[in-house]
Amino acid sequence: MSLSKLELKLRVEAKIHEIKAQLGTLAADTTAEAQKRKTQLEASLKVAEAEIKTGWEKITDQAASKLNEWLKR
């Protein structure tokens, strides 16, 4: 794996961990605002998971580009 893809992997994994932590915090909150945020976070997580489903060794340049854009959000 190239250094740039390794760096991308680490950044994506960190953001996934951050999102999962936020989802854990929101789990007990039943307000409409919290539920809306939870839905947004789950959708964001699915975007990243869809791009890495084939594994990091097989990640394409197109998928890497999409993940870089995802990280900016």
PDB file of N, CA and C in Angstrom:
ATOM      1  N   MET A   1       0.856  -1.171   0.000  1.00  0.00           N
ATOM      2  CA  MET A   1       0.000   0.000   0.000  1.00  0.00           C
ATOM      3  C   MET A   1       0.903   1.235   0.000  1.00  0.00           C
ATOM      4  N   SER A   2       0.542   2.173  -0.849  1.00  0.00           N
ATOM      5  CA  SER A   2       1.353   3.388  -0.926  1.00  0.00           C
ATOM      6  C   SER A   2       1.201   4.222   0.345  1.00  0.00           C
ATOM      7  N   LEU A   3       2.153   5.077   0.544  1.00  0.00           N
ATOM      8  CA  LEU A   3       2.143   5.933   1.730  1.00  0.00           C
ATOM      9  C   LEU A   3       0.904   6.823   1.758  1.00  0.00           C
ATOM     10  N   SER A   4       0.507   7.351   0.598  1.00  0.00           N
ATOM     11  CA  SER A   4      -0.668   8.230   0.567  1.00  0.00           C
ATOM     12  C   SER A   4      -1.941   7.465   0.901  1.00  0.00           C
ATOM     13  N   LYS A   5      -2.023   6.203   0.444  1.00  0.00           N
ATOM     14  CA  LYS A   5      -3.214   5.406   0.772  1.00  0.00           C
ATOM     15  C   LYS A   5      -3.192   4.960   2.230  1.00  0.00           C
ATOM     16  N   LEU A   6      -2.011   4.743   2.762  1.00  0.00           N
ATOM     17  CA  LEU A   6      -1.911   4.411   4.190  1.00  0.00           C
ATOM     18  C   LEU A   6      -2.354   5.601   5.031  1.00  0.00           C
ATOM     19  N   GLU A   7      -1.915   6.785   4.650  1.00  0.00           N
ATOM     20  CA  GLU A   7      -2.332   7.997   5.353  1.00  0.00           C
ATOM     21  C   GLU A   7      -3.850   8.176   5.256  1.00  0.00           C
ATOM     22  N   LEU A   8      -4.393   7.949   4.066  1.00  0.00           N
ATOM     23  CA  LEU A   8      -5.840   8.050   3.864  1.00  0.00           C
ATOM     24  C   LEU A   8      -6.563   7.049   4.759  1.00  0.00           C
ATOM     25  N   LYS A   9      -6.065   5.827   4.797  1.00  0.00           N
ATOM     26  CA  LYS A   9      -6.670   4.786   5.637  1.00  0.00           C
ATOM     27  C   LYS A   9      -6.727   5.234   7.094  1.00  0.00           C
ATOM     28  N   LEU A  10      -5.631   5.755   7.590  1.00  0.00           N
ATOM     29  CA  LEU A  10      -5.579   6.192   8.985  1.00  0.00           C
ATOM     30  C   LEU A  10      -6.551   7.339   9.251  1.00  0.00           C
ATOM     31  N   ARG A  11      -6.629   8.287   8.323  1.00  0.00           N
ATOM     32  CA  ARG A  11      -7.550   9.416   8.484  1.00  0.00           C
ATOM     33  C   ARG A  11      -9.006   8.950   8.434  1.00  0.00           C
ATOM     34  N   VAL A  12      -9.309   8.030   7.508  1.00  0.00           N
ATOM     35  CA  VAL A  12     -10.681   7.519   7.396  1.00  0.00           C
ATOM     36  C   VAL A  12     -11.052   6.737   8.646  1.00  0.00           C
ATOM     37  N   GLU A  13     -10.158   5.878   9.105  1.00  0.00           N
ATOM     38  CA  GLU A  13     -10.442   5.095  10.308  1.00  0.00           C
ATOM     39  C   GLU A  13     -10.655   5.995  11.524  1.00  0.00           C
ATOM     40  N   ALA A  14      -9.902   7.076  11.618  1.00  0.00           N
ATOM     41  CA  ALA A  14     -10.075   8.012  12.728  1.00  0.00           C
ATOM     42  C   ALA A  14     -11.443   8.682  12.667  1.00  0.00           C
ATOM     43  N   LYS A  15     -11.854   9.071  11.453  1.00  0.00           N
ATOM     44  CA  LYS A  15     -13.157   9.725  11.329  1.00  0.00           C
ATOM     45  C   LYS A  15     -14.291   8.730  11.598  1.00  0.00           C
ATOM     46  N   ILE A  16     -14.136   7.507  11.130  1.00  0.00           N
ATOM     47  CA  ILE A  16     -15.147   6.482  11.412  1.00  0.00           C
ATOM     48  C   ILE A  16     -15.278   6.285  12.919  1.00  0.00           C
ATOM     49  N   HIS A  17     -14.159   6.222  13.606  1.00  0.00           N
ATOM     50  CA  HIS A  17     -14.166   6.076  15.068  1.00  0.00           C
ATOM     51  C   HIS A  17     -14.876   7.270  15.722  1.00  0.00           C
ATOM     52  N   GLU A  18     -14.600   8.463  15.223  1.00  0.00           N
ATOM     53  CA  GLU A  18     -15.237   9.680  15.744  1.00  0.00           C
ATOM     54  C   GLU A  18     -16.751   9.635  15.532  1.00  0.00           C
ATOM     55  N   ILE A  19     -17.177   9.222  14.352  1.00  0.00           N
ATOM     56  CA  ILE A  19     -18.612   9.139  14.057  1.00  0.00           C
ATOM     57  C   ILE A  19     -19.281   8.108  14.959  1.00  0.00           C
ATOM     58  N   LYS A  20     -18.646   6.964  15.129  1.00  0.00           N
ATOM     59  CA  LYS A  20     -19.226   5.931  15.993  1.00  0.00           C
ATOM     60  C   LYS A  20     -19.332   6.415  17.440  1.00  0.00           C
ATOM     61  N   ALA A  21     -18.373   7.193  17.883  1.00  0.00           N
ATOM     62  CA  ALA A  21     -18.427   7.755  19.233  1.00  0.00           C
ATOM     63  C   ALA A  21     -19.595   8.735  19.349  1.00  0.00           C
ATOM     64  N   GLN A  22     -19.781   9.549  18.321  1.00  0.00           N
ATOM     65  CA  GLN A  22     -20.907  10.492  18.332  1.00  0.00           C
ATOM     66  C   GLN A  22     -22.234   9.741  18.329  1.00  0.00           C
ATOM     67  N   LEU A  23     -22.307   8.652  17.554  1.00  0.00           N
ATOM     68  CA  LEU A  23     -23.530   7.849  17.531  1.00  0.00           C
ATOM     69  C   LEU A  23     -23.806   7.238  18.905  1.00  0.00           C
ATOM     70  N   GLY A  24     -22.762   6.827  19.583  1.00  0.00           N
ATOM     71  CA  GLY A  24     -22.922   6.285  20.930  1.00  0.00           C
ATOM     72  C   GLY A  24     -23.469   7.320  21.891  1.00  0.00           C
ATOM     73  N   THR A  25     -23.003   8.541  21.759  1.00  0.00           N
ATOM     74  CA  THR A  25     -23.480   9.636  22.601  1.00  0.00           C
ATOM     75  C   THR A  25     -24.939   9.951  22.303  1.00  0.00           C
ATOM     76  N   LEU A  26     -25.300   9.896  21.035  1.00  0.00           N
ATOM     77  CA  LEU A  26     -26.669  10.236  20.626  1.00  0.00           C
ATOM     78  C   LEU A  26     -27.679   9.117  20.882  1.00  0.00           C
ATOM     79  N   ALA A  27     -27.198   7.921  21.145  1.00  0.00           N
ATOM     80  CA  ALA A  27     -28.086   6.766  21.301  1.00  0.00           C
ATOM     81  C   ALA A  27     -29.156   6.980  22.369  1.00  0.00           C
ATOM     82  N   ALA A  28     -28.811   7.630  23.439  1.00  0.00           N
ATOM     83  CA  ALA A  28     -29.751   7.823  24.540  1.00  0.00           C
ATOM     84  C   ALA A  28     -30.628   9.061  24.370  1.00  0.00           C
ATOM     85  N   ASP A  29     -30.289   9.899  23.434  1.00  0.00           N
ATOM     86  CA  ASP A  29     -31.029  11.148  23.224  1.00  0.00           C
ATOM     87  C   ASP A  29     -32.177  10.898  22.259  1.00  0.00           C
ATOM     88  N   THR A  30     -33.389  11.125  22.726  1.00  0.00           N
ATOM     89  CA  THR A  30     -34.569  10.838  21.905  1.00  0.00           C
ATOM     90  C   THR A  30     -35.177  12.083  21.266  1.00  0.00           C
ATOM     91  N   THR A  31     -34.514  13.216  21.383  1.00  0.00           N
ATOM     92  CA  THR A  31     -35.064  14.419  20.766  1.00  0.00           C
ATOM     93  C   THR A  31     -35.013  14.303  19.242  1.00  0.00           C
ATOM     94  N   ALA A  32     -35.880  15.042  18.595  1.00  0.00           N
ATOM     95  CA  ALA A  32     -35.950  15.010  17.129  1.00  0.00           C
ATOM     96  C   ALA A  32     -34.629  15.480  16.510  1.00  0.00           C
ATOM     97  N   GLU A  33     -34.037  16.479  17.112  1.00  0.00           N
ATOM     98  CA  GLU A  33     -32.761  17.006  16.609  1.00  0.00           C
ATOM     99  C   GLU A  33     -31.666  15.937  16.684  1.00  0.00           C
ATOM    100  N   ALA A  34     -31.620  15.214  17.798  1.00  0.00           N
ATOM    101  CA  ALA A  34     -30.612  14.163  17.965  1.00  0.00           C
ATOM    102  C   ALA A  34     -30.851  13.025  16.978  1.00  0.00           C
ATOM    103  N   GLN A  35     -32.102  12.689  16.763  1.00  0.00           N
ATOM    104  CA  GLN A  35     -32.419  11.618  15.823  1.00  0.00           C
ATOM    105  C   GLN A  35     -32.052  12.018  14.389  1.00  0.00           C
ATOM    106  N   LYS A  36     -32.257  13.280  14.066  1.00  0.00           N
ATOM    107  CA  LYS A  36     -31.875  13.781  12.745  1.00  0.00           C
ATOM    108  C   LYS A  36     -30.366  13.703  12.574  1.00  0.00           C
ATOM    109  N   ARG A  37     -29.623  14.120  13.591  1.00  0.00           N
ATOM    110  CA  ARG A  37     -28.160  14.081  13.534  1.00  0.00           C
ATOM    111  C   ARG A  37     -27.670  12.642  13.442  1.00  0.00           C
ATOM    112  N   LYS A  38     -28.325  11.748  14.171  1.00  0.00           N
ATOM    113  CA  LYS A  38     -27.964  10.328  14.136  1.00  0.00           C
ATOM    114  C   LYS A  38     -28.146   9.775  12.724  1.00  0.00           C
ATOM    115  N   THR A  39     -29.235  10.120  12.088  1.00  0.00           N
ATOM    116  CA  THR A  39     -29.497   9.675  10.721  1.00  0.00           C
ATOM    117  C   THR A  39     -28.425  10.206   9.768  1.00  0.00           C
ATOM    118  N   GLN A  40     -28.037  11.462   9.936  1.00  0.00           N
ATOM    119  CA  GLN A  40     -26.990  12.056   9.101  1.00  0.00           C
ATOM    120  C   GLN A  40     -25.661  11.336   9.297  1.00  0.00           C
ATOM    121  N   LEU A  41     -25.313  11.059  10.530  1.00  0.00           N
ATOM    122  CA  LEU A  41     -24.056  10.377  10.822  1.00  0.00           C
ATOM    123  C   LEU A  41     -24.046   8.958  10.264  1.00  0.00           C
ATOM    124  N   GLU A  42     -25.164   8.256  10.396  1.00  0.00           N
ATOM    125  CA  GLU A  42     -25.256   6.896   9.865  1.00  0.00           C
ATOM    126  C   GLU A  42     -25.106   6.898   8.350  1.00  0.00           C
ATOM    127  N   ALA A  43     -25.710   7.881   7.680  1.00  0.00           N
ATOM    128  CA  ALA A  43     -25.586   7.992   6.225  1.00  0.00           C
ATOM    129  C   ALA A  43     -24.133   8.273   5.832  1.00  0.00           C
ATOM    130  N   SER A  44     -23.480   9.133   6.587  1.00  0.00           N
ATOM    131  CA  SER A  44     -22.082   9.458   6.319  1.00  0.00           C
ATOM    132  C   SER A  44     -21.203   8.221   6.493  1.00  0.00           C
ATOM    133  N   LEU A  45     -21.473   7.462   7.508  1.00  0.00           N
ATOM    134  CA  LEU A  45     -20.714   6.243   7.773  1.00  0.00           C
ATOM    135  C   LEU A  45     -20.885   5.237   6.624  1.00  0.00           C
ATOM    136  N   LYS A  46     -22.087   5.129   6.114  1.00  0.00           N
ATOM    137  CA  LYS A  46     -22.355   4.205   5.010  1.00  0.00           C
ATOM    138  C   LYS A  46     -21.587   4.595   3.750  1.00  0.00           C
ATOM    139  N   VAL A  47     -21.414   5.888   3.525  1.00  0.00           N
ATOM    140  CA  VAL A  47     -20.646   6.354   2.365  1.00  0.00           C
ATOM    141  C   VAL A  47     -19.219   5.831   2.450  1.00  0.00           C
ATOM    142  N   ALA A  48     -18.598   6.001   3.585  1.00  0.00           N
ATOM    143  CA  ALA A  48     -17.217   5.540   3.760  1.00  0.00           C
ATOM    144  C   ALA A  48     -17.131   4.020   3.669  1.00  0.00           C
ATOM    145  N   GLU A  49     -18.041   3.330   4.315  1.00  0.00           N
ATOM    146  CA  GLU A  49     -18.010   1.873   4.309  1.00  0.00           C
ATOM    147  C   GLU A  49     -18.200   1.310   2.902  1.00  0.00           C
ATOM    148  N   ALA A  50     -19.006   1.979   2.084  1.00  0.00           N
ATOM    149  CA  ALA A  50     -19.214   1.535   0.703  1.00  0.00           C
ATOM    150  C   ALA A  50     -17.931   1.644  -0.112  1.00  0.00           C
ATOM    151  N   GLU A  51     -17.152   2.669   0.160  1.00  0.00           N
ATOM    152  CA  GLU A  51     -15.911   2.877  -0.596  1.00  0.00           C
ATOM    153  C   GLU A  51     -14.801   1.913  -0.183  1.00  0.00           C
ATOM    154  N   ILE A  52     -14.821   1.447   1.047  1.00  0.00           N
ATOM    155  CA  ILE A  52     -13.739   0.580   1.517  1.00  0.00           C
ATOM    156  C   ILE A  52     -14.151  -0.887   1.601  1.00  0.00           C
ATOM    157  N   LYS A  53     -15.324  -1.219   1.080  1.00  0.00           N
ATOM    158  CA  LYS A  53     -15.830  -2.587   1.220  1.00  0.00           C
ATOM    159  C   LYS A  53     -14.946  -3.631   0.540  1.00  0.00           C
ATOM    160  N   THR A  54     -14.213  -3.244  -0.502  1.00  0.00           N
ATOM    161  CA  THR A  54     -13.350  -4.205  -1.194  1.00  0.00           C
ATOM    162  C   THR A  54     -12.016  -4.398  -0.482  1.00  0.00           C
ATOM    163  N   GLY A  55     -11.749  -3.583   0.510  1.00  0.00           N
ATOM    164  CA  GLY A  55     -10.504  -3.674   1.256  1.00  0.00           C
ATOM    165  C   GLY A  55      -9.531  -2.598   0.832  1.00  0.00           C
ATOM    166  N   TRP A  56      -8.660  -2.236   1.738  1.00  0.00           N
ATOM    167  CA  TRP A  56      -7.724  -1.141   1.495  1.00  0.00           C
ATOM    168  C   TRP A  56      -6.694  -1.479   0.437  1.00  0.00           C
ATOM    169  N   GLU A  57      -6.342  -2.732   0.297  1.00  0.00           N
ATOM    170  CA  GLU A  57      -5.344  -3.123  -0.706  1.00  0.00           C
ATOM    171  C   GLU A  57      -5.879  -2.959  -2.129  1.00  0.00           C
ATOM    172  N   LYS A  58      -7.188  -2.997  -2.290  1.00  0.00           N
ATOM    173  CA  LYS A  58      -7.802  -2.920  -3.618  1.00  0.00           C
ATOM    174  C   LYS A  58      -8.464  -1.576  -3.888  1.00  0.00           C
ATOM    175  N   ILE A  59      -8.241  -0.602  -3.039  1.00  0.00           N
ATOM    176  CA  ILE A  59      -8.924   0.682  -3.194  1.00  0.00           C
ATOM    177  C   ILE A  59      -8.437   1.389  -4.466  1.00  0.00           C
ATOM    178  N   THR A  60      -9.385   1.872  -5.232  1.00  0.00           N
ATOM    179  CA  THR A  60      -9.056   2.549  -6.487  1.00  0.00           C
ATOM    180  C   THR A  60      -8.779   4.028  -6.243  1.00  0.00           C
ATOM    181  N   ASP A  61      -8.192   4.658  -7.245  1.00  0.00           N
ATOM    182  CA  ASP A  61      -7.947   6.100  -7.139  1.00  0.00           C
ATOM    183  C   ASP A  61      -9.266   6.856  -7.035  1.00  0.00           C
ATOM    184  N   GLN A  62     -10.295   6.369  -7.735  1.00  0.00           N
ATOM    185  CA  GLN A  62     -11.609   7.008  -7.667  1.00  0.00           C
ATOM    186  C   GLN A  62     -12.191   6.907  -6.260  1.00  0.00           C
ATOM    187  N   ALA A  63     -12.083   5.744  -5.649  1.00  0.00           N
ATOM    188  CA  ALA A  63     -12.581   5.564  -4.278  1.00  0.00           C
ATOM    189  C   ALA A  63     -11.777   6.421  -3.313  1.00  0.00           C
ATOM    190  N   ALA A  64     -10.475   6.500  -3.519  1.00  0.00           N
ATOM    191  CA  ALA A  64      -9.629   7.335  -2.661  1.00  0.00           C
ATOM    192  C   ALA A  64     -10.047   8.797  -2.770  1.00  0.00           C
ATOM    193  N   SER A  65     -10.360   9.230  -3.983  1.00  0.00           N
ATOM    194  CA  SER A  65     -10.811  10.606  -4.189  1.00  0.00           C
ATOM    195  C   SER A  65     -12.128  10.863  -3.461  1.00  0.00           C
ATOM    196  N   LYS A  66     -13.058   9.912  -3.553  1.00  0.00           N
ATOM    197  CA  LYS A  66     -14.343  10.054  -2.863  1.00  0.00           C
ATOM    198  C   LYS A  66     -14.146  10.108  -1.350  1.00  0.00           C
ATOM    199  N   LEU A  67     -13.225   9.299  -0.854  1.00  0.00           N
ATOM    200  CA  LEU A  67     -12.959   9.305   0.589  1.00  0.00           C
ATOM    201  C   LEU A  67     -12.331  10.616   1.034  1.00  0.00           C
ATOM    202  N   ASN A  68     -11.461  11.165   0.220  1.00  0.00           N
ATOM    203  CA  ASN A  68     -10.881  12.472   0.553  1.00  0.00           C
ATOM    204  C   ASN A  68     -11.960  13.536   0.618  1.00  0.00           C
ATOM    205  N   GLU A  69     -12.915  13.489  -0.300  1.00  0.00           N
ATOM    206  CA  GLU A  69     -14.033  14.432  -0.275  1.00  0.00           C
ATOM    207  C   GLU A  69     -14.884  14.202   0.969  1.00  0.00           C
ATOM    208  N   TRP A  70     -15.117  12.944   1.309  1.00  0.00           N
ATOM    209  CA  TRP A  70     -15.897  12.587   2.504  1.00  0.00           C
ATOM    210  C   TRP A  70     -15.246  13.135   3.761  1.00  0.00           C
ATOM    211  N   LEU A  71     -13.930  13.089   3.809  1.00  0.00           N
ATOM    212  CA  LEU A  71     -13.203  13.580   4.984  1.00  0.00           C
ATOM    213  C   LEU A  71     -13.363  15.088   5.152  1.00  0.00           C
ATOM    214  N   LYS A  72     -13.589  15.787   4.073  1.00  0.00           N
ATOM    215  CA  LYS A  72     -13.735  17.249   4.134  1.00  0.00           C
ATOM    216  C   LYS A  72     -15.092  17.678   4.693  1.00  0.00           C
ATOM    217  N   ARG A  73     -16.052  16.776   4.722  1.00  0.00           N
ATOM    218  CA  ARG A  73     -17.395  17.111   5.215  1.00  0.00           C
ATOM    219  C   ARG A  73     -17.455  17.084   6.709  1.00  0.00           C
TER     220      ARG A  73
END
